[in-house]
Amino acid sequence: MRTRLTVVVAGVVVAALVVVAAVVAVSWWRGRDETQLQEATAYAPADAQRLSWTDWAGVRTAVKADLDASSSAGDVETFLDQGFDRDLTSTSALVQSAGVLQEHFGFSPATVQWELFSQSEQGAVVILRMPDGADLGTIAAHLEQSGFAKPATDALGGQVWSGGGELLPSIGADLTPELQYVALDADRHLVLTSDNEAYLQSTVDTLGDGSLPAGMQDVVDASGEPLSAAVYDGPYACKALAMGQADRSDQAEADQLVAEAGEVSPLTGFAMSAQPGGDVRVALGFENADQARTNADTRSVLASGPAPGQGGEFSDRFTVASAAADGDVVTLDLKPVPGSYVLSDLSTGPVLFATC
């Protein structure tokens, strides 16, 4: 009986280990398939309406910048100038603060892996992913040395370091208000900052618990591995990119162009992203696949003609390499004209091909 029981128990243990191994393998595979943008947006607050993404490690590679924590503020500024020339830095909340960050905070675009800036009517937060080997204890020491009030407990586990608006000017000029409060999450290798202490703590407390609206998630999934991107939910996109911002003559021209192009449906999500090869991808979300198929044609026509509200023709800025519908999402792959700034110019309105 003892022998039989031992065999049975051993069999149960082996079976359990097999199940655990399978779960680990699936988790590893899913993590392997997940893009960095998808990883970042999984941390965004549930109320996010506008997301601005910068893959800083990818941008450093793209411009061949060799930087680390010991690089000078001048070297960081040179890197940012190179990134600006490639239209890869317009989505960052940290550009104007980069030199001071490098010298006084222990992190900056020279060392951060990626940055996600989330905005909503309730608040805003910058989420930064540090490399796996980064020592957040060093960042904590920088914060304390710079005058931030240390949390009473759990300094590396998500409690907020308090600075405030009066502290920042004493550290250095041009620091964005989004750096007034800082939280460090050593387990996830994250640094989070905000101009609102309560909103930052709420974000930390619910990190990874929320989910983006379906239309927003769809366009994130369609954006691949961009170096920088602007992502909006449907209502924000239809407001921020609306032709209603243009003057009357441009609005009249836009109405005529839309009437000639065909049916245009409201957006459920919008993303414009700079891809590693130099192209710009636009992802437009719709209520259903039928709307997406129809809008693939109309949006392609609108993106290939005049650009009322922007001036001139869209062909002065890019050519439409492809337009396709996949499920509820339309993707337009654009090839920028050399010297044009498609992402920074067209991620704010009015933009005819993103009209609702």
Protein backbone atom coordinates (compact mmCIF):
# COMPACT_ATOMS: atom_id res chain seq x y z
CA MET A 1 0.00 0.00 0.00
CA ARG A 2 2.82 2.39 0.91
CA THR A 3 4.54 1.63 -2.39
CA ARG A 4 1.34 2.17 -4.36
CA LEU A 5 0.58 5.41 -2.49
CA THR A 6 4.11 6.66 -3.18
CA VAL A 7 3.69 5.95 -6.87
CA VAL A 8 0.32 7.73 -6.96
CA VAL A 9 1.65 10.77 -5.09
CA ALA A 10 4.72 10.88 -7.31
CA GLY A 11 2.48 10.75 -10.35
CA VAL A 12 0.37 13.63 -9.05
CA VAL A 13 3.50 15.70 -8.34
CA VAL A 14 4.88 15.03 -11.81
CA ALA A 15 1.54 15.94 -13.39
CA ALA A 16 1.45 19.17 -11.38
CA LEU A 17 4.98 20.03 -12.47
CA VAL A 18 4.02 19.42 -16.09
CA VAL A 19 1.05 21.79 -15.72
CA VAL A 20 3.24 24.47 -14.08
CA ALA A 21 5.82 24.10 -16.83
CA ALA A 22 3.12 24.46 -19.47
CA VAL A 23 1.77 27.61 -17.83
CA VAL A 24 5.27 29.09 -17.62
CA ALA A 25 5.90 28.20 -21.26
CA VAL A 26 2.64 29.83 -22.39
CA SER A 27 3.39 32.95 -20.33
CA TRP A 28 6.88 33.12 -21.82
CA TRP A 29 5.53 32.72 -25.35
CA ARG A 30 2.88 35.39 -24.86
CA GLY A 31 5.48 37.76 -23.44
CA ARG A 32 7.68 36.99 -26.42
CA ASP A 33 4.88 37.86 -28.84
CA GLU A 34 3.88 41.07 -27.04
CA THR A 35 5.24 44.28 -28.52
CA GLN A 36 6.82 46.90 -26.30
CA LEU A 37 3.95 49.25 -27.13
CA GLN A 38 1.44 46.63 -25.99
CA GLU A 39 3.46 46.07 -22.81
CA ALA A 40 3.50 49.80 -22.09
CA THR A 41 -0.17 50.45 -22.79
CA ALA A 42 -1.11 47.60 -20.43
CA TYR A 43 0.16 49.88 -17.64
CA ALA A 44 -1.89 52.89 -18.79
CA PRO A 45 -4.65 54.12 -16.45
CA ALA A 46 -8.12 52.88 -17.36
CA ASP A 47 -9.28 56.45 -18.07
CA ALA A 48 -6.58 57.11 -20.69
CA GLN A 49 -7.81 59.08 -23.70
CA ARG A 50 -4.50 60.07 -25.27
CA LEU A 51 -1.24 58.10 -25.24
CA SER A 52 2.14 59.34 -26.47
CA TRP A 53 4.79 56.67 -26.96
CA THR A 54 8.56 56.87 -27.45
CA ASP A 55 10.84 53.84 -27.77
CA TRP A 56 13.97 55.58 -26.49
CA ALA A 57 16.20 52.53 -26.89
CA GLY A 58 15.03 52.22 -30.49
CA VAL A 59 15.57 55.93 -31.16
CA ARG A 60 19.12 55.72 -29.77
CA THR A 61 19.78 52.78 -32.10
CA ALA A 62 18.24 54.58 -35.08
CA VAL A 63 20.55 57.61 -34.74
CA LYS A 64 23.54 55.51 -33.57
CA ALA A 65 23.78 57.32 -30.23
CA ASP A 66 26.15 55.75 -27.69
CA LEU A 67 24.89 57.08 -24.35
CA ASP A 68 24.75 55.92 -20.74
CA ALA A 69 24.21 57.32 -17.26
CA SER A 70 27.61 59.05 -17.34
CA SER A 71 26.95 60.95 -20.60
CA SER A 72 26.93 64.73 -20.37
CA ALA A 73 23.82 66.86 -20.71
CA GLY A 74 25.34 68.22 -23.92
CA ASP A 75 25.63 64.73 -25.38
CA VAL A 76 21.99 64.10 -24.53
CA GLU A 77 20.93 67.34 -26.23
CA THR A 78 22.89 66.36 -29.35
CA PHE A 79 21.10 63.03 -29.39
CA LEU A 80 17.72 64.74 -29.06
CA ASP A 81 18.56 67.06 -31.97
CA GLN A 82 19.33 64.00 -34.10
CA GLY A 83 16.08 62.38 -33.04
CA PHE A 84 14.16 65.57 -33.81
CA ASP A 85 15.61 65.66 -37.32
CA ARG A 86 14.21 62.16 -37.85
CA ASP A 87 10.79 63.18 -36.39
CA LEU A 88 11.14 60.64 -33.57
CA THR A 89 10.88 62.77 -30.43
CA SER A 90 7.70 64.83 -30.78
CA THR A 91 5.62 62.44 -28.66
CA SER A 92 7.86 62.66 -25.58
CA ALA A 93 6.98 64.66 -22.46
CA LEU A 94 10.63 64.75 -21.38
CA VAL A 95 12.53 66.44 -24.22
CA GLN A 96 12.72 69.90 -22.67
CA SER A 97 13.78 68.39 -19.34
CA ALA A 98 16.32 65.89 -20.66
CA GLY A 99 19.56 67.65 -19.70
CA VAL A 100 18.47 68.29 -16.11
CA LEU A 101 17.11 64.75 -15.81
CA GLN A 102 20.45 63.34 -16.92
CA GLU A 103 22.36 65.35 -14.31
CA HIS A 104 20.00 65.31 -11.33
CA PHE A 105 17.40 62.51 -11.57
CA GLY A 106 19.36 59.42 -12.52
CA PHE A 107 17.30 58.77 -15.64
CA SER A 108 16.70 60.53 -18.96
CA PRO A 109 16.11 59.72 -22.65
CA ALA A 110 19.75 58.60 -22.64
CA THR A 111 19.01 55.65 -20.34
CA VAL A 112 15.25 54.98 -20.39
CA GLN A 113 14.08 51.98 -22.44
CA TRP A 114 10.68 53.45 -23.33
CA GLU A 115 8.27 56.22 -22.34
CA LEU A 116 4.47 56.29 -22.31
CA PHE A 117 2.72 59.58 -21.56
CA SER A 118 -0.94 59.00 -20.66
CA GLN A 119 -3.47 61.85 -20.52
CA SER A 120 -7.14 62.04 -19.60
CA GLU A 121 -9.59 64.54 -18.18
CA GLN A 122 -8.77 63.18 -14.70
CA GLY A 123 -4.98 63.50 -14.88
CA ALA A 124 -1.72 62.69 -16.63
CA VAL A 125 1.15 60.34 -15.88
CA VAL A 126 4.50 59.55 -17.50
CA ILE A 127 5.43 55.86 -17.31
CA LEU A 128 9.09 55.00 -17.97
CA ARG A 129 10.52 51.51 -18.38
CA MET A 130 14.12 51.23 -17.21
CA PRO A 131 16.44 48.47 -18.51
CA ASP A 132 16.39 45.26 -16.47
CA GLY A 133 19.83 45.97 -15.05
CA ALA A 134 19.06 49.52 -13.93
CA ASP A 135 19.42 50.24 -10.21
CA LEU A 136 16.34 52.12 -9.02
CA GLY A 137 18.11 52.61 -5.72
CA THR A 138 20.46 54.99 -7.53
CA ILE A 139 17.45 56.92 -8.85
CA ALA A 140 16.05 57.06 -5.32
CA ALA A 141 19.36 58.51 -4.09
CA HIS A 142 19.23 61.18 -6.82
CA LEU A 143 15.68 62.11 -5.86
CA GLU A 144 16.56 62.43 -2.19
CA GLN A 145 19.65 64.49 -3.01
CA SER A 146 17.56 66.78 -5.24
CA GLY A 147 15.14 67.54 -2.41
CA PHE A 148 12.23 65.17 -3.01
CA ALA A 149 10.54 64.05 0.21
CA LYS A 150 11.18 60.35 0.70
CA PRO A 151 8.12 58.14 1.25
CA ALA A 152 7.68 56.98 4.81
CA THR A 153 7.80 53.35 3.67
CA ASP A 154 8.42 51.26 0.57
CA ALA A 155 10.57 53.82 -1.29
CA LEU A 156 11.10 51.44 -4.23
CA GLY A 157 7.69 49.80 -4.17
CA GLY A 158 5.35 52.40 -5.59
CA GLN A 159 4.97 55.02 -2.87
CA VAL A 160 5.17 58.61 -4.08
CA TRP A 161 8.23 60.82 -3.71
CA SER A 162 6.91 64.35 -3.20
CA GLY A 163 8.54 67.32 -4.89
CA GLY A 164 5.95 69.88 -5.92
CA GLY A 165 6.03 72.96 -8.11
CA GLU A 166 8.35 74.98 -5.87
CA LEU A 167 11.10 72.35 -5.83
CA LEU A 168 11.55 71.88 -9.58
CA PRO A 169 12.94 75.38 -10.38
CA SER A 170 15.53 74.92 -7.63
CA ILE A 171 16.80 71.78 -9.38
CA GLY A 172 17.04 73.22 -12.88
CA ALA A 173 15.29 75.22 -15.57
CA ASP A 174 12.74 73.88 -18.04
CA LEU A 175 11.60 70.91 -15.96
CA THR A 176 8.12 69.83 -17.01
CA PRO A 177 5.47 69.97 -14.25
CA GLU A 178 4.94 66.24 -14.88
CA LEU A 179 8.08 65.65 -12.77
CA GLN A 180 6.68 67.11 -9.55
CA TYR A 181 5.89 63.67 -8.10
CA VAL A 182 7.75 60.42 -8.72
CA ALA A 183 7.07 56.77 -7.92
CA LEU A 184 9.50 53.87 -8.33
CA ASP A 185 8.36 50.30 -9.00
CA ALA A 186 11.48 48.15 -8.70
CA ASP A 187 9.64 44.88 -9.47
CA ARG A 188 8.47 46.14 -12.85
CA HIS A 189 11.53 48.37 -13.51
CA LEU A 190 9.24 51.39 -13.82
CA VAL A 191 9.57 55.07 -12.96
CA LEU A 192 6.26 56.97 -12.94
CA THR A 193 5.85 60.73 -12.70
CA SER A 194 2.95 63.21 -12.60
CA ASP A 195 1.95 66.73 -11.65
CA ASN A 196 -0.82 65.29 -9.46
CA GLU A 197 0.21 63.27 -6.40
CA ALA A 198 -3.16 61.58 -5.86
CA TYR A 199 -3.52 60.61 -9.52
CA LEU A 200 0.01 59.18 -9.54
CA GLN A 201 -0.64 57.08 -6.44
CA SER A 202 -3.93 55.85 -7.90
CA THR A 203 -2.11 54.87 -11.10
CA VAL A 204 0.51 52.94 -9.13
CA ASP A 205 -2.12 51.20 -7.00
CA THR A 206 -4.00 49.96 -10.08
CA LEU A 207 -1.01 49.39 -12.36
CA GLY A 208 -1.89 46.79 -14.97
CA ASP A 209 -5.45 46.30 -13.66
CA GLY A 210 -7.23 48.39 -16.29
CA SER A 211 -7.67 47.96 -20.01
CA LEU A 212 -7.90 50.33 -22.94
CA PRO A 213 -11.20 50.80 -24.80
CA ALA A 214 -11.51 48.18 -27.52
CA GLY A 215 -11.08 50.66 -30.37
CA MET A 216 -7.93 52.07 -28.78
CA GLN A 217 -6.50 48.60 -28.17
CA ASP A 218 -7.19 47.60 -31.78
CA VAL A 219 -5.11 50.45 -33.19
CA VAL A 220 -2.31 49.77 -30.69
CA ASP A 221 -2.23 46.14 -31.86
CA ALA A 222 -2.10 47.29 -35.50
CA SER A 223 0.83 49.66 -34.90
CA GLY A 224 3.56 47.02 -34.60
CA GLU A 225 6.86 48.08 -32.99
CA PRO A 226 6.98 51.84 -33.62
CA LEU A 227 9.75 54.17 -32.50
CA SER A 228 7.19 56.81 -31.57
CA ALA A 229 3.42 57.03 -31.72
CA ALA A 230 0.33 59.05 -30.87
CA VAL A 231 -2.71 56.98 -29.85
CA TYR A 232 -6.20 58.42 -29.21
CA ASP A 233 -9.54 56.99 -28.21
CA GLY A 234 -12.44 57.60 -30.60
CA PRO A 235 -14.03 60.68 -28.96
CA TYR A 236 -10.67 62.40 -28.49
CA ALA A 237 -9.58 61.65 -32.07
CA CYS A 238 -12.83 62.98 -33.50
CA LYS A 239 -12.33 66.18 -31.49
CA ALA A 240 -8.57 66.74 -31.77
CA LEU A 241 -8.34 65.93 -35.49
CA ALA A 242 -11.65 67.49 -36.53
CA MET A 243 -11.93 69.70 -39.58
CA GLY A 244 -14.09 71.96 -37.40
CA GLN A 245 -10.81 73.51 -36.26
CA ALA A 246 -10.13 74.76 -39.78
CA ASP A 247 -11.39 78.06 -41.15
CA ARG A 248 -14.66 78.23 -43.10
CA SER A 249 -13.18 78.00 -46.56
CA ASP A 250 -11.12 74.93 -45.58
CA GLN A 251 -14.18 73.35 -43.99
CA ALA A 252 -16.18 73.88 -47.16
CA GLU A 253 -13.39 72.33 -49.25
CA ALA A 254 -13.18 69.40 -46.83
CA ASP A 255 -16.93 68.79 -47.03
CA GLN A 256 -16.71 68.67 -50.81
CA LEU A 257 -13.71 66.29 -50.77
CA VAL A 258 -15.45 63.95 -48.33
CA ALA A 259 -18.62 63.95 -50.44
CA GLU A 260 -16.59 63.01 -53.50
CA ALA A 261 -14.55 60.32 -51.69
CA GLY A 262 -17.55 58.40 -50.34
CA GLU A 263 -18.78 57.20 -46.96
CA VAL A 264 -16.79 58.20 -43.86
CA SER A 265 -17.56 56.59 -40.47
CA PRO A 266 -16.72 57.78 -36.95
CA LEU A 267 -13.48 56.48 -35.44
CA THR A 268 -13.29 54.21 -32.41
CA GLY A 269 -9.54 54.69 -32.15
CA PHE A 270 -6.65 56.39 -33.92
CA ALA A 271 -2.89 55.78 -33.96
CA MET A 272 -0.15 57.40 -35.99
CA SER A 273 3.31 55.95 -35.59
CA ALA A 274 6.87 56.29 -36.88
CA GLN A 275 8.05 52.85 -37.94
CA PRO A 276 11.69 51.67 -37.72
CA GLY A 277 12.15 51.68 -41.51
CA GLY A 278 11.16 55.34 -41.83
CA ASP A 279 7.54 54.87 -42.87
CA VAL A 280 4.58 56.26 -40.93
CA ARG A 281 1.63 54.01 -40.17
CA VAL A 282 -1.88 55.26 -39.50
CA ALA A 283 -4.31 52.85 -37.82
CA LEU A 284 -8.01 53.76 -37.77
CA GLY A 285 -10.55 51.79 -35.73
CA PHE A 286 -14.22 51.38 -36.69
CA GLU A 287 -17.36 49.79 -35.28
CA ASN A 288 -17.27 46.78 -37.58
CA ALA A 289 -15.50 45.14 -40.51
CA ASP A 290 -17.97 46.50 -43.10
CA GLN A 291 -17.20 50.08 -42.05
CA ALA A 292 -13.48 49.30 -42.13
CA ARG A 293 -13.62 47.94 -45.69
CA THR A 294 -15.56 51.00 -46.88
CA ASN A 295 -13.30 53.44 -45.08
CA ALA A 296 -10.11 51.80 -46.39
CA ASP A 297 -11.09 53.18 -49.80
CA THR A 298 -12.39 56.58 -48.72
CA ARG A 299 -9.53 57.32 -46.30
CA SER A 300 -6.97 56.36 -48.93
CA VAL A 301 -8.57 58.81 -51.37
CA LEU A 302 -8.65 61.58 -48.75
CA ALA A 303 -5.00 60.96 -47.80
CA SER A 304 -3.88 61.22 -51.42
CA GLY A 305 -5.33 64.62 -52.29
CA PRO A 306 -5.55 68.17 -50.96
CA ALA A 307 -4.85 68.87 -47.27
CA PRO A 308 -7.28 71.62 -46.23
CA GLY A 309 -6.44 72.93 -42.80
CA GLN A 310 -2.83 71.81 -43.23
CA GLY A 311 -2.18 73.57 -46.51
CA GLY A 312 -1.09 72.24 -49.88
CA GLU A 313 -1.41 68.58 -50.81
CA PHE A 314 -0.80 65.50 -48.70
CA SER A 315 1.48 64.36 -51.52
CA ASP A 316 3.78 67.22 -50.55
CA ARG A 317 4.36 65.32 -47.29
CA PHE A 318 3.96 61.62 -48.14
CA THR A 319 2.69 59.02 -50.57
CA VAL A 320 0.20 56.34 -49.56
CA ALA A 321 2.08 53.06 -50.03
CA SER A 322 -0.86 50.86 -49.01
CA ALA A 323 -4.34 50.98 -47.52
CA ALA A 324 -5.93 47.84 -46.09
CA ALA A 325 -8.75 46.71 -43.83
CA ASP A 326 -8.17 43.90 -41.34
CA GLY A 327 -11.20 43.22 -39.19
CA ASP A 328 -12.36 46.51 -37.67
CA VAL A 329 -9.09 48.35 -38.40
CA VAL A 330 -7.82 50.24 -41.44
CA THR A 331 -4.07 50.75 -41.82
CA LEU A 332 -2.53 53.35 -44.09
CA ASP A 333 1.20 52.95 -44.64
CA LEU A 334 2.70 56.29 -45.61
CA LYS A 335 6.12 56.99 -47.13
CA PRO A 336 7.23 60.47 -45.99
CA VAL A 337 8.85 62.85 -48.44
CA PRO A 338 12.47 63.46 -47.32
CA GLY A 339 12.59 66.37 -44.89
CA SER A 340 8.90 66.19 -43.96
CA TYR A 341 7.63 65.78 -40.39
CA VAL A 342 4.54 63.66 -40.91
CA LEU A 343 4.05 62.37 -37.37
CA SER A 344 4.58 65.66 -35.54
CA ASP A 345 2.61 67.69 -38.09
CA LEU A 346 -0.38 65.39 -38.53
CA SER A 347 -0.91 63.94 -35.05
CA THR A 348 -2.86 67.13 -34.29
CA GLY A 349 -5.72 68.53 -36.34
CA PRO A 350 -7.27 69.38 -38.56
CA VAL A 351 -6.47 66.23 -40.57
CA LEU A 352 -8.85 65.45 -43.42
CA PHE A 353 -8.20 61.69 -43.68
CA ALA A 354 -8.90 61.29 -39.93
CA THR A 355 -12.13 63.26 -39.96
CA CYS A 356 -15.22 61.82 -38.31
